């Protein structure tokens, strides 16, 4: 199992270590280990948090429209050139 320390995770996400400390005290962010006072994050937990944090992405379709990605393949939101949304 690969672990990152607070400093390494802060560098990976380009954020301050203080932000990670605040997240831990607010019970947000990835789960962590605290072993003899040292905070460690398992790589698998970091990746799981990153996946859970993914938001809709826009994908170009062949018809020139963009649709917002969804966790549900049955629902796609497309935007026409007039800015209106259509659900399919």
Protein backbone atom coordinates (compact mmCIF):
# COMPACT_ATOMS: atom_id res chain seq x y z
CA UNK A 1 0.00 0.00 0.00
CA UNK A 2 1.37 3.38 -1.00
CA UNK A 3 0.99 6.26 1.45
CA UNK A 4 1.43 10.01 1.10
CA UNK A 5 2.12 12.38 3.95
CA UNK A 6 0.32 15.67 4.38
CA UNK A 7 3.07 17.59 2.59
CA UNK A 8 3.05 15.25 -0.42
CA UNK A 9 -0.74 15.39 -0.74
CA UNK A 10 -0.73 19.19 -0.44
CA UNK A 11 1.84 19.30 -3.26
CA UNK A 12 -0.17 16.85 -5.39
CA UNK A 13 -3.31 19.00 -5.11
CA UNK A 14 -1.41 22.32 -5.08
CA UNK A 15 -2.98 23.45 -1.84
CA UNK A 16 -1.67 24.39 1.57
CA UNK A 17 -1.07 21.90 4.31
CA UNK A 18 -3.27 24.10 6.50
CA UNK A 19 -6.22 23.36 4.20
CA UNK A 20 -5.74 19.63 4.69
CA UNK A 21 -5.48 20.18 8.46
CA UNK A 22 -8.75 22.15 8.43
CA UNK A 23 -10.44 19.49 6.31
CA UNK A 24 -9.44 16.84 8.86
CA UNK A 25 -10.81 18.87 11.76
CA UNK A 26 -14.05 19.51 9.78
CA UNK A 27 -14.31 15.79 8.85
CA UNK A 28 -14.12 16.43 5.11
CA UNK A 29 -11.59 15.28 2.54
CA UNK A 30 -10.10 11.83 2.10
CA UNK A 31 -9.89 9.41 5.00
CA UNK A 32 -6.52 9.30 6.70
CA UNK A 33 -4.44 7.26 9.07
CA UNK A 34 -2.93 8.73 12.19
CA UNK A 35 -0.13 6.54 13.44
CA UNK A 36 1.88 7.77 16.42
CA UNK A 37 0.98 11.36 15.61
CA UNK A 38 1.85 11.10 11.92
CA UNK A 39 -0.90 11.68 9.36
CA UNK A 40 -0.83 9.43 6.31
CA UNK A 41 -3.17 9.12 3.35
CA UNK A 42 -3.45 5.83 1.47
CA UNK A 43 -3.09 6.29 -2.28
CA UNK A 44 -6.27 4.26 -2.92
CA UNK A 45 -8.23 6.60 -0.62
CA UNK A 46 -6.82 9.68 -2.36
CA UNK A 47 -7.87 8.31 -5.75
CA UNK A 48 -11.32 7.36 -4.42
CA UNK A 49 -11.79 10.91 -3.09
CA UNK A 50 -10.70 12.35 -6.43
CA UNK A 51 -13.19 10.16 -8.31
CA UNK A 52 -15.98 11.07 -5.89
CA UNK A 53 -15.12 14.76 -6.43
CA UNK A 54 -15.50 14.60 -10.22
CA UNK A 55 -18.12 16.96 -11.56
CA UNK A 56 -19.84 16.95 -14.96
CA UNK A 57 -17.54 17.32 -17.91
CA UNK A 58 -18.48 18.58 -21.32
CA UNK A 59 -17.96 16.24 -24.25
CA UNK A 60 -18.09 17.36 -27.87
CA UNK A 61 -20.58 15.38 -29.97
CA UNK A 62 -20.40 14.90 -33.73
CA UNK A 63 -23.40 17.23 -34.23
CA UNK A 64 -21.49 20.21 -32.84
CA UNK A 65 -23.39 20.25 -29.55
CA UNK A 66 -21.84 19.76 -26.17
CA UNK A 67 -23.40 17.60 -23.51
CA UNK A 68 -22.70 17.45 -19.84
CA UNK A 69 -21.46 14.09 -18.65
CA UNK A 70 -23.65 12.36 -16.11
CA UNK A 71 -23.18 9.48 -13.76
CA UNK A 72 -26.31 8.07 -15.37
CA UNK A 73 -25.80 7.07 -19.02
CA UNK A 74 -29.55 7.35 -19.63
CA UNK A 75 -29.57 11.14 -19.10
CA UNK A 76 -27.62 13.61 -21.18
CA UNK A 77 -28.05 17.37 -21.09
CA UNK A 78 -27.32 19.10 -24.36
CA UNK A 79 -27.09 22.82 -24.95
CA UNK A 80 -28.20 24.31 -28.22
CA UNK A 81 -26.55 27.35 -29.79
CA UNK A 82 -29.31 29.50 -28.27
CA UNK A 83 -28.23 28.38 -24.79
CA UNK A 84 -31.34 26.35 -24.00
CA UNK A 85 -31.01 22.92 -22.46
CA UNK A 86 -32.56 19.75 -23.79
CA UNK A 87 -32.67 16.47 -21.92
CA UNK A 88 -32.37 13.16 -23.70
